[in-house]
N, C-alpha and C. Protein backbone atom coordinates (compact mmCIF):
# COMPACT_ATOMS: atom_id res chain seq x y z
N UNK A 1 25.05 -59.20 -54.21
CA UNK A 1 24.92 -58.91 -52.95
C UNK A 1 23.36 -58.17 -52.90
N UNK A 2 23.07 -58.46 -51.87
CA UNK A 2 21.37 -57.81 -51.89
C UNK A 2 20.97 -57.49 -50.60
N UNK A 3 20.26 -56.64 -50.66
CA UNK A 3 19.08 -56.28 -49.12
C UNK A 3 18.07 -57.23 -49.39
N UNK A 4 17.74 -57.71 -48.10
CA UNK A 4 16.70 -58.66 -48.48
C UNK A 4 15.49 -58.44 -47.27
N UNK A 5 14.26 -58.08 -47.93
CA UNK A 5 13.14 -57.58 -46.91
C UNK A 5 12.88 -58.49 -45.93
N UNK A 6 13.08 -59.78 -46.22
CA UNK A 6 12.66 -60.61 -44.63
C UNK A 6 13.14 -62.26 -44.93
N UNK A 7 12.79 -62.48 -43.54
CA UNK A 7 13.41 -63.91 -43.04
C UNK A 7 12.16 -64.66 -42.85
N UNK A 8 11.73 -65.77 -43.16
CA UNK A 8 10.56 -66.82 -43.13
C UNK A 8 10.57 -66.98 -41.68
N UNK A 9 11.56 -67.16 -40.75
CA UNK A 9 11.63 -67.16 -39.28
C UNK A 9 13.00 -67.41 -38.70
N UNK A 10 12.95 -67.38 -37.65
CA UNK A 10 14.10 -67.90 -36.63
C UNK A 10 15.89 -66.89 -36.89
N UNK A 11 15.43 -66.07 -37.91
CA UNK A 11 16.59 -65.21 -38.00
C UNK A 11 16.62 -63.89 -37.15
N UNK A 12 17.47 -63.06 -36.84
CA UNK A 12 17.28 -61.78 -35.81
C UNK A 12 17.41 -61.05 -37.09
N UNK A 13 16.94 -59.90 -37.43
CA UNK A 13 17.31 -58.88 -38.32
C UNK A 13 18.59 -58.29 -38.50
N UNK A 14 19.15 -58.28 -39.33
CA UNK A 14 20.50 -57.85 -39.52
C UNK A 14 21.34 -59.04 -39.52
N UNK A 15 21.02 -60.39 -39.76
CA UNK A 15 21.26 -61.51 -40.27
C UNK A 15 21.85 -61.49 -41.83
N UNK A 16 23.21 -62.24 -41.99
CA UNK A 16 23.31 -62.52 -43.04
C UNK A 16 23.03 -63.56 -43.51
N UNK A 17 22.25 -63.69 -44.81
CA UNK A 17 22.24 -65.15 -45.46
C UNK A 17 22.87 -65.32 -46.75
N UNK A 18 23.62 -66.46 -46.86
CA UNK A 18 24.89 -67.01 -47.86
C UNK A 18 23.48 -68.10 -48.50
N UNK A 19 23.04 -67.56 -49.73
CA UNK A 19 22.54 -68.65 -50.33
C UNK A 19 22.87 -70.01 -50.69
N UNK A 20 22.23 -71.16 -50.58
CA UNK A 20 22.88 -72.46 -51.20
C UNK A 20 22.25 -72.80 -52.20
N UNK A 21 20.65 -72.09 -52.44
CA UNK A 21 20.27 -72.85 -53.94
C UNK A 21 19.08 -71.57 -53.62
N UNK A 22 18.81 -70.80 -54.63
CA UNK A 22 17.21 -70.27 -54.99
C UNK A 22 16.15 -71.10 -55.62
N UNK A 23 15.03 -70.93 -54.38
CA UNK A 23 14.03 -71.75 -54.60
C UNK A 23 12.80 -71.29 -55.10
N UNK A 24 11.87 -71.45 -55.53
CA UNK A 24 10.40 -70.83 -56.04
C UNK A 24 9.81 -71.02 -54.96
N UNK A 25 8.44 -70.47 -55.04
CA UNK A 25 7.73 -70.55 -54.36
C UNK A 25 7.14 -72.09 -53.55
N UNK A 26 7.27 -72.89 -54.09
CA UNK A 26 6.99 -74.08 -53.92
C UNK A 26 8.10 -74.88 -53.48
N UNK A 27 9.49 -74.12 -53.16
CA UNK A 27 10.51 -74.61 -52.68
C UNK A 27 11.33 -76.01 -53.63
N UNK A 28 11.34 -75.43 -54.89
CA UNK A 28 11.89 -75.95 -56.00
C UNK A 28 13.35 -75.41 -56.11
N UNK A 29 14.48 -75.84 -56.11
CA UNK A 29 15.27 -75.27 -56.69
C UNK A 29 15.70 -75.27 -58.31
N UNK A 30 14.74 -74.38 -58.84
CA UNK A 30 14.55 -74.23 -60.22
C UNK A 30 14.08 -73.20 -60.60
N UNK A 31 14.25 -72.63 -62.16
CA UNK A 31 13.93 -71.48 -62.62
C UNK A 31 13.08 -71.78 -63.65
N UNK A 32 12.48 -71.47 -63.97
CA UNK A 32 11.42 -71.71 -65.65
C UNK A 32 11.45 -70.72 -66.49
N UNK A 33 11.49 -70.72 -67.55
CA UNK A 33 11.64 -69.93 -68.38
C UNK A 33 11.09 -70.49 -69.88
N UNK A 34 10.01 -69.10 -70.47
CA UNK A 34 9.84 -69.94 -71.76
C UNK A 34 10.42 -69.26 -72.83
N UNK A 35 11.19 -70.32 -73.70
CA UNK A 35 12.25 -70.11 -74.81
C UNK A 35 11.60 -70.63 -75.94
N UNK A 36 11.16 -69.07 -76.89
CA UNK A 36 10.80 -69.89 -77.91
C UNK A 36 9.40 -70.65 -78.17
N UNK A 37 8.43 -70.38 -77.09
CA UNK A 37 7.61 -70.92 -76.90
C UNK A 37 7.51 -72.13 -76.04
N UNK A 38 8.65 -72.58 -75.71
CA UNK A 38 8.95 -74.14 -74.99
C UNK A 38 9.19 -73.69 -73.56
N UNK A 39 8.69 -74.64 -72.69
CA UNK A 39 9.11 -74.45 -70.93
C UNK A 39 10.57 -74.90 -70.85
N UNK A 40 11.47 -74.35 -70.06
CA UNK A 40 13.18 -74.48 -70.01
C UNK A 40 12.70 -74.43 -68.31
N UNK A 41 13.20 -75.28 -67.66
CA UNK A 41 13.56 -75.10 -66.17
C UNK A 41 14.92 -75.64 -66.18
N UNK A 42 15.46 -74.56 -65.39
CA UNK A 42 16.84 -74.75 -64.97
C UNK A 42 17.56 -74.77 -63.48
N UNK A 43 18.26 -75.53 -63.07
CA UNK A 43 18.79 -75.83 -62.06
C UNK A 43 19.34 -73.94 -61.32
N UNK A 44 18.68 -74.12 -60.16
CA UNK A 44 19.14 -73.03 -59.06
C UNK A 44 20.16 -72.89 -57.89
N UNK A 45 21.08 -74.34 -58.21
CA UNK A 45 22.02 -74.62 -57.10
C UNK A 45 22.78 -73.53 -56.91
N UNK A 46 23.67 -73.11 -56.02
CA UNK A 46 24.86 -72.37 -56.50
C UNK A 46 26.15 -72.97 -55.78
N UNK A 47 27.32 -72.39 -55.88
CA UNK A 47 28.21 -73.29 -55.42
C UNK A 47 28.66 -73.43 -53.98
N UNK A 48 28.59 -74.49 -53.64
CA UNK A 48 28.57 -74.82 -51.92
C UNK A 48 30.20 -74.49 -51.55
N UNK A 49 30.98 -74.65 -52.26
CA UNK A 49 32.40 -74.52 -51.54
C UNK A 49 32.78 -73.39 -51.65
N UNK A 50 31.91 -72.23 -52.71
CA UNK A 50 32.09 -71.13 -52.45
C UNK A 50 31.23 -70.42 -51.00
N UNK A 51 29.99 -70.96 -50.77
CA UNK A 51 29.41 -70.39 -49.38
C UNK A 51 29.83 -71.07 -48.50
N UNK A 52 30.54 -72.10 -48.29
CA UNK A 52 31.29 -72.50 -47.60
C UNK A 52 32.58 -71.63 -47.13
N UNK A 53 33.23 -70.96 -48.22
CA UNK A 53 34.39 -70.30 -48.15
C UNK A 53 33.68 -68.95 -47.37
N UNK A 54 32.57 -68.45 -48.18
CA UNK A 54 31.94 -66.99 -47.52
C UNK A 54 31.84 -67.08 -46.07
N UNK A 55 30.81 -68.49 -45.74
CA UNK A 55 30.97 -68.90 -44.29
C UNK A 55 32.04 -68.56 -43.11
N UNK A 56 33.39 -68.88 -43.65
CA UNK A 56 34.58 -68.79 -43.00
C UNK A 56 34.80 -67.57 -42.75
N UNK A 57 34.67 -66.65 -43.95
CA UNK A 57 35.09 -65.28 -44.08
C UNK A 57 34.26 -64.53 -43.38
N UNK A 58 32.88 -65.07 -42.89
CA UNK A 58 32.05 -64.31 -41.77
C UNK A 58 32.30 -64.52 -40.29
N UNK A 59 33.00 -66.23 -40.29
CA UNK A 59 33.47 -66.26 -38.77
C UNK A 59 34.88 -65.47 -38.37
N UNK A 60 35.40 -65.57 -39.64
CA UNK A 60 36.78 -64.66 -39.55
C UNK A 60 36.64 -63.05 -38.69
N UNK A 61 35.55 -62.19 -39.40
CA UNK A 61 34.98 -61.55 -39.18
C UNK A 61 34.16 -61.06 -37.97
N UNK A 62 33.85 -62.21 -37.13
CA UNK A 62 33.03 -62.00 -35.83
C UNK A 62 32.32 -60.72 -35.76
N UNK A 63 31.48 -60.53 -37.06
CA UNK A 63 31.00 -59.13 -36.71
C UNK A 63 29.25 -59.16 -36.87
N UNK A 64 28.75 -60.01 -37.51
CA UNK A 64 27.28 -60.09 -37.32
C UNK A 64 26.95 -62.05 -37.66
N UNK A 65 25.80 -62.32 -37.30
CA UNK A 65 25.41 -63.56 -37.63
C UNK A 65 25.45 -63.81 -38.98
N UNK A 66 25.84 -65.00 -39.53
CA UNK A 66 25.37 -65.19 -40.76
C UNK A 66 25.40 -67.16 -40.84
N UNK A 67 24.04 -67.41 -41.79
CA UNK A 67 23.80 -68.71 -41.93
C UNK A 67 23.91 -68.98 -43.61
N UNK A 68 23.96 -70.25 -43.76
CA UNK A 68 23.86 -70.39 -45.09
C UNK A 68 22.53 -71.18 -45.11
N UNK A 69 21.47 -70.98 -45.83
CA UNK A 69 20.02 -71.39 -46.18
C UNK A 69 19.58 -70.99 -47.48
N UNK A 70 18.51 -71.60 -48.01
CA UNK A 70 17.83 -71.58 -49.57
C UNK A 70 17.29 -69.89 -49.54
N UNK A 71 17.08 -69.30 -50.42
CA UNK A 71 16.91 -67.98 -50.55
C UNK A 71 15.54 -68.49 -51.82
N UNK A 72 14.22 -67.92 -51.36
CA UNK A 72 12.90 -67.86 -51.42
C UNK A 72 12.98 -67.23 -52.58
N UNK A 73 12.47 -67.33 -54.27
CA UNK A 73 12.63 -65.84 -54.92
C UNK A 73 11.36 -66.10 -55.52
N UNK A 74 10.23 -65.21 -55.25
CA UNK A 74 8.92 -64.94 -55.97
C UNK A 74 9.00 -64.08 -56.33
N UNK A 75 7.50 -64.02 -57.32
CA UNK A 75 7.19 -63.39 -58.47
C UNK A 75 6.61 -61.90 -58.01
N UNK A 76 6.02 -61.74 -57.04
CA UNK A 76 5.86 -60.55 -56.42
C UNK A 76 6.15 -60.45 -54.88
N UNK A 77 5.98 -59.21 -54.51
CA UNK A 77 6.48 -58.54 -53.15
C UNK A 77 5.32 -59.25 -52.37
N UNK A 78 4.07 -58.86 -52.58
CA UNK A 78 2.98 -59.30 -51.51
C UNK A 78 2.55 -60.55 -51.61
N UNK A 79 1.62 -60.94 -52.35
CA UNK A 79 1.26 -62.30 -52.29
C UNK A 79 2.22 -63.12 -52.24
N UNK A 80 3.07 -63.04 -53.54
CA UNK A 80 4.02 -64.03 -53.54
C UNK A 80 4.47 -64.28 -51.85
N UNK A 81 5.05 -63.40 -51.47
CA UNK A 81 5.44 -63.81 -49.93
C UNK A 81 5.03 -63.90 -48.87
N UNK A 82 3.64 -63.99 -49.34
CA UNK A 82 2.78 -64.26 -47.80
C UNK A 82 2.28 -63.04 -46.78
N UNK A 83 2.50 -61.75 -47.98
CA UNK A 83 2.29 -60.46 -46.86
C UNK A 83 0.69 -60.06 -47.06
N UNK A 84 0.39 -59.85 -45.85
CA UNK A 84 -1.01 -59.30 -45.28
C UNK A 84 -1.49 -57.78 -45.68
N UNK A 85 -0.38 -56.76 -46.28
CA UNK A 85 -0.43 -55.56 -46.18
C UNK A 85 -0.36 -54.91 -47.94
N UNK A 86 -0.94 -56.37 -48.53
CA UNK A 86 -1.09 -55.57 -49.88
C UNK A 86 -2.39 -55.26 -50.54
N UNK A 87 -2.56 -54.73 -51.73
CA UNK A 87 -3.53 -54.48 -52.01
C UNK A 87 -4.78 -55.85 -52.28
N UNK A 88 -4.16 -57.08 -52.60
CA UNK A 88 -4.78 -57.97 -53.01
C UNK A 88 -4.37 -58.76 -51.88
N UNK A 89 -5.27 -59.86 -51.18
CA UNK A 89 -4.92 -60.68 -50.24
C UNK A 89 -6.32 -62.11 -49.69
N UNK A 90 -5.58 -62.94 -50.49
CA UNK A 90 -6.57 -64.12 -50.54
C UNK A 90 -6.87 -65.02 -49.35
N UNK A 91 -5.85 -64.65 -48.30
CA UNK A 91 -5.65 -65.72 -47.18
C UNK A 91 -5.51 -65.19 -45.71
N UNK A 92 -5.31 -65.60 -44.78
CA UNK A 92 -5.32 -65.20 -43.70
C UNK A 92 -4.12 -65.32 -42.83
N UNK A 93 -4.15 -64.71 -42.12
CA UNK A 93 -2.45 -64.77 -40.96
C UNK A 93 -2.59 -66.09 -40.78
N UNK A 94 -3.20 -66.78 -40.30
CA UNK A 94 -2.93 -68.23 -39.98
C UNK A 94 -2.46 -68.71 -41.47
N UNK A 95 -3.11 -68.93 -42.53
CA UNK A 95 -2.32 -69.47 -43.50
C UNK A 95 -1.21 -68.90 -43.98
N UNK A 96 -0.97 -67.69 -43.69
CA UNK A 96 0.61 -66.69 -43.84
C UNK A 96 1.28 -68.10 -42.76
N UNK A 97 1.21 -68.00 -41.53
CA UNK A 97 1.96 -68.66 -40.75
C UNK A 97 2.16 -69.99 -40.78
N UNK A 98 1.25 -70.65 -41.57
CA UNK A 98 1.30 -72.00 -42.02
C UNK A 98 2.67 -71.94 -43.11
N UNK A 99 2.08 -71.37 -44.29
CA UNK A 99 3.31 -70.93 -45.10
C UNK A 99 4.87 -70.67 -44.54
N UNK A 100 4.94 -69.71 -44.14
CA UNK A 100 6.21 -69.42 -43.89
C UNK A 100 6.89 -70.33 -42.67
N UNK A 101 5.91 -71.17 -41.81
CA UNK A 101 6.84 -72.14 -41.22
C UNK A 101 7.04 -73.73 -42.23
N UNK A 102 5.89 -73.75 -43.57
CA UNK A 102 6.60 -74.83 -44.19
C UNK A 102 8.31 -74.16 -44.84
N UNK A 103 8.22 -72.85 -45.37
CA UNK A 103 9.30 -72.31 -45.82
C UNK A 103 10.69 -72.38 -45.26
N UNK A 104 10.36 -72.40 -43.90
CA UNK A 104 11.55 -72.62 -42.57
C UNK A 104 12.04 -74.08 -42.77
N UNK A 105 10.73 -74.85 -42.33
CA UNK A 105 10.97 -76.35 -42.35
C UNK A 105 11.68 -76.91 -43.94
N UNK A 106 11.66 -76.34 -45.32
CA UNK A 106 12.17 -77.09 -46.23
C UNK A 106 13.42 -75.95 -46.51
N UNK A 107 13.76 -75.08 -45.43
CA UNK A 107 15.43 -74.85 -45.41
C UNK A 107 15.50 -73.13 -45.90
N UNK A 108 14.58 -72.44 -46.13
CA UNK A 108 14.50 -71.23 -46.61
C UNK A 108 14.47 -69.86 -45.44
N UNK A 109 15.75 -69.38 -45.72
CA UNK A 109 15.82 -68.29 -44.30
C UNK A 109 15.96 -67.27 -45.14
N UNK A 110 15.34 -66.74 -46.35
CA UNK A 110 15.59 -65.58 -46.63
C UNK A 110 14.71 -65.73 -48.07
N UNK A 111 13.99 -64.24 -48.29
CA UNK A 111 12.67 -64.17 -49.45
C UNK A 111 13.19 -63.04 -50.05
N UNK A 112 13.02 -63.01 -51.41
CA UNK A 112 13.08 -61.81 -52.31
C UNK A 112 12.46 -62.01 -53.35
N UNK A 113 13.17 -61.40 -54.57
CA UNK A 113 12.65 -61.62 -55.93
C UNK A 113 13.73 -61.69 -57.17
N UNK A 114 14.84 -62.03 -57.07
CA UNK A 114 15.75 -61.74 -57.80
C UNK A 114 16.97 -63.06 -58.19
N UNK A 115 17.04 -63.50 -57.15
CA UNK A 115 17.90 -64.64 -57.07
C UNK A 115 17.96 -66.00 -58.06
N UNK A 116 16.53 -66.06 -58.34
CA UNK A 116 16.62 -67.49 -59.14
C UNK A 116 17.13 -67.47 -60.63
N UNK A 117 16.96 -66.41 -61.59
CA UNK A 117 17.18 -65.92 -62.38
C UNK A 117 18.64 -65.86 -62.28
N UNK A 118 19.61 -65.25 -61.51
CA UNK A 118 20.91 -64.76 -61.37
C UNK A 118 21.48 -66.11 -61.12
N UNK A 119 20.96 -67.24 -60.25
CA UNK A 119 21.75 -68.59 -59.86
C UNK A 119 21.69 -69.47 -61.29
N UNK A 120 20.41 -69.56 -61.98
CA UNK A 120 20.47 -70.31 -62.86
C UNK A 120 20.88 -69.80 -64.21
N UNK A 121 21.14 -68.76 -64.54
CA UNK A 121 21.96 -68.29 -65.70
C UNK A 121 23.46 -68.71 -65.09
N UNK A 122 23.64 -68.41 -63.82
CA UNK A 122 25.51 -68.20 -63.78
C UNK A 122 25.72 -70.21 -63.86
N UNK A 123 24.97 -70.86 -63.21
CA UNK A 123 24.95 -72.19 -63.35
C UNK A 123 25.16 -72.99 -64.71
N UNK A 124 24.04 -72.46 -65.56
CA UNK A 124 23.91 -72.43 -66.97
C UNK A 124 25.18 -72.25 -68.24
N UNK A 125 25.87 -71.05 -67.56
CA UNK A 125 27.12 -70.82 -67.91
C UNK A 125 28.32 -71.27 -66.96
N UNK A 126 28.13 -72.30 -66.35
CA UNK A 126 29.07 -72.65 -65.96
C UNK A 126 30.11 -71.93 -65.14
N UNK A 127 29.61 -70.74 -64.31
CA UNK A 127 29.86 -69.91 -63.64
C UNK A 127 29.94 -69.90 -62.16
N UNK A 128 31.11 -70.40 -61.47
CA UNK A 128 30.92 -70.16 -59.43
C UNK A 128 30.27 -68.71 -59.33
N UNK A 129 29.16 -69.10 -58.46
CA UNK A 129 28.28 -67.64 -57.93
C UNK A 129 28.07 -68.07 -56.49
N UNK A 130 27.65 -67.08 -55.90
CA UNK A 130 26.93 -66.66 -54.55
C UNK A 130 25.87 -65.49 -54.70
N UNK A 131 25.12 -65.69 -53.74
CA UNK A 131 24.46 -64.85 -53.27
C UNK A 131 24.28 -64.26 -51.64
N UNK A 132 24.57 -63.16 -51.31
CA UNK A 132 24.80 -62.77 -50.04
C UNK A 132 23.62 -61.59 -49.67
N UNK A 133 22.93 -61.91 -48.88
CA UNK A 133 21.85 -61.30 -48.71
C UNK A 133 21.39 -60.56 -47.15
N UNK A 134 21.05 -59.71 -46.47
CA UNK A 134 20.78 -59.53 -45.16
C UNK A 134 19.34 -59.47 -45.06
N UNK A 135 18.81 -59.71 -43.68
CA UNK A 135 17.88 -59.81 -43.67
C UNK A 135 17.04 -58.35 -42.90
N UNK A 136 15.81 -58.07 -43.10
CA UNK A 136 15.72 -56.54 -42.59
C UNK A 136 14.65 -57.10 -41.35
N UNK A 137 13.61 -58.11 -41.54
CA UNK A 137 12.83 -58.33 -40.37
C UNK A 137 12.66 -60.16 -40.34
N UNK A 138 12.14 -60.57 -39.27
CA UNK A 138 11.60 -61.92 -39.30
C UNK A 138 9.95 -61.82 -39.83
N UNK A 139 9.59 -62.47 -40.65
CA UNK A 139 8.39 -61.97 -41.33
C UNK A 139 6.84 -62.99 -40.39
N UNK A 140 7.25 -63.73 -39.46
CA UNK A 140 6.76 -64.35 -38.68
C UNK A 140 6.56 -63.43 -37.55
N UNK A 141 7.06 -62.29 -37.27
CA UNK A 141 6.86 -60.97 -36.27
C UNK A 141 5.87 -59.91 -37.16
N UNK A 142 5.74 -60.03 -38.85
CA UNK A 142 5.03 -58.96 -38.99
C UNK A 142 5.66 -58.51 -40.13
N UNK A 143 4.92 -57.76 -41.20
CA UNK A 143 5.35 -57.71 -42.56
C UNK A 143 6.06 -56.33 -42.77
N UNK A 144 6.14 -55.57 -41.95
CA UNK A 144 6.55 -54.05 -41.96
C UNK A 144 7.81 -54.01 -40.99
N UNK A 145 8.76 -53.19 -42.01
CA UNK A 145 10.10 -53.30 -41.09
C UNK A 145 10.11 -52.20 -39.96
N UNK A 146 10.71 -52.04 -38.92
CA UNK A 146 10.49 -51.41 -37.82
C UNK A 146 11.85 -50.55 -37.47
N UNK A 147 12.69 -51.19 -37.99
CA UNK A 147 14.23 -50.86 -37.16
C UNK A 147 14.46 -49.42 -37.77
N UNK A 148 14.83 -48.57 -37.03
CA UNK A 148 15.54 -47.03 -37.57
C UNK A 148 16.26 -47.38 -38.79
N UNK A 149 16.10 -45.83 -39.35
CA UNK A 149 17.21 -45.76 -40.65
C UNK A 149 18.86 -45.99 -40.37
N UNK A 150 19.03 -45.81 -39.23
CA UNK A 150 20.45 -45.96 -39.02
C UNK A 150 20.65 -47.30 -38.99
N UNK A 151 19.80 -47.79 -38.69
CA UNK A 151 20.16 -49.80 -37.93
C UNK A 151 20.28 -50.35 -39.45
N UNK A 152 19.34 -49.76 -40.34
CA UNK A 152 19.05 -50.13 -41.25
C UNK A 152 20.19 -49.93 -42.51
N UNK A 153 20.69 -48.66 -42.21
CA UNK A 153 21.95 -48.71 -43.13
C UNK A 153 23.39 -49.46 -43.01
N UNK A 154 23.22 -49.66 -41.54
CA UNK A 154 24.36 -50.62 -41.10
C UNK A 154 24.42 -52.05 -41.28
N UNK A 155 22.83 -52.68 -41.20
CA UNK A 155 22.69 -53.69 -42.09
C UNK A 155 22.93 -54.07 -43.29
N UNK A 156 22.81 -53.01 -43.92
CA UNK A 156 22.72 -52.78 -45.74
C UNK A 156 24.44 -52.94 -45.83
N UNK A 157 25.45 -52.88 -45.25
CA UNK A 157 26.73 -52.57 -45.43
C UNK A 157 27.45 -54.14 -44.81
N UNK A 158 26.81 -55.03 -44.29
CA UNK A 158 27.16 -56.25 -44.02
C UNK A 158 27.77 -56.89 -45.05
N UNK A 159 26.48 -57.60 -46.33
CA UNK A 159 27.32 -58.19 -46.93
C UNK A 159 28.29 -57.82 -48.02
N UNK A 160 28.28 -56.40 -48.29
CA UNK A 160 29.59 -55.55 -48.87
C UNK A 160 30.83 -55.92 -47.67
N UNK A 161 30.64 -56.23 -46.74
CA UNK A 161 31.86 -56.34 -45.54
C UNK A 161 32.26 -57.80 -45.77
N UNK A 162 31.30 -58.79 -45.70
CA UNK A 162 31.46 -59.86 -46.20
C UNK A 162 32.15 -60.15 -47.31
N UNK A 163 31.82 -59.88 -48.10
CA UNK A 163 32.11 -59.98 -49.69
C UNK A 163 33.31 -59.35 -49.94
N UNK A 164 33.79 -58.05 -49.44
CA UNK A 164 34.78 -57.56 -49.48
C UNK A 164 36.03 -58.00 -48.41
N UNK A 165 35.71 -58.77 -47.53
CA UNK A 165 36.74 -59.67 -46.61
C UNK A 165 37.17 -61.06 -47.65
N UNK A 166 35.83 -61.53 -48.06
CA UNK A 166 36.52 -62.70 -49.29
C UNK A 166 37.52 -62.07 -49.86
N UNK A 167 36.99 -61.14 -50.93
CA UNK A 167 37.86 -61.02 -52.03
C UNK A 167 39.51 -60.56 -51.54
N UNK A 168 39.62 -59.41 -50.24
CA UNK A 168 41.07 -59.24 -49.90
C UNK A 168 41.65 -60.60 -49.49
N UNK A 169 40.91 -61.60 -48.97
CA UNK A 169 41.12 -62.94 -48.45
C UNK A 169 42.13 -63.53 -49.91
N UNK A 170 41.04 -63.61 -50.98
CA UNK A 170 41.51 -64.19 -52.12
C UNK A 170 42.78 -63.67 -52.81
N UNK A 171 42.94 -62.28 -52.29
CA UNK A 171 43.79 -61.79 -53.35
C UNK A 171 45.25 -61.95 -52.41
N UNK A 172 45.16 -61.95 -51.24
CA UNK A 172 46.24 -61.85 -50.63
C UNK A 172 46.91 -63.67 -50.56
N UNK A 173 45.93 -64.70 -51.10
CA UNK A 173 46.64 -66.12 -51.68
C UNK A 173 47.13 -65.91 -52.75
N UNK A 174 46.73 -64.82 -53.61
CA UNK A 174 47.11 -64.87 -55.00
C UNK A 174 48.49 -64.28 -55.01
């Protein structure tokens, strides 16, 4: 579970995203790592049946909007995510908007910095895994979070409520 700073477009703040696959900044479902000087690329596909089960749990709760989509995992918070408010910025607002629209068209519904290594390692170990995040803003609207602290606190509980419901449902079957 994670709190995610941004949705590339189309999701209201507070929407929950169940990650189908973690993608890099070029929208590829892979994690690149150097092992003993050699480039190793691992898949970042997550467990689709688990994602569908989590989506059904959200429908059971009927408390907040939830979608299944890709999560773009970047190497940094500012330029890697197309932000205009960092110390370095080598592109324009138009460039940013075009990139975020391309991300959305590629299936990205969430942007953060952690999911690709988690997805790759779980897949490499044969573990079923899911990433559940909440969006705090629509990046086409801006780079700054403007929701009040109380609203953000409620948003942050949504992934926990969803996963908690999933666990209770699983335990009831066992």
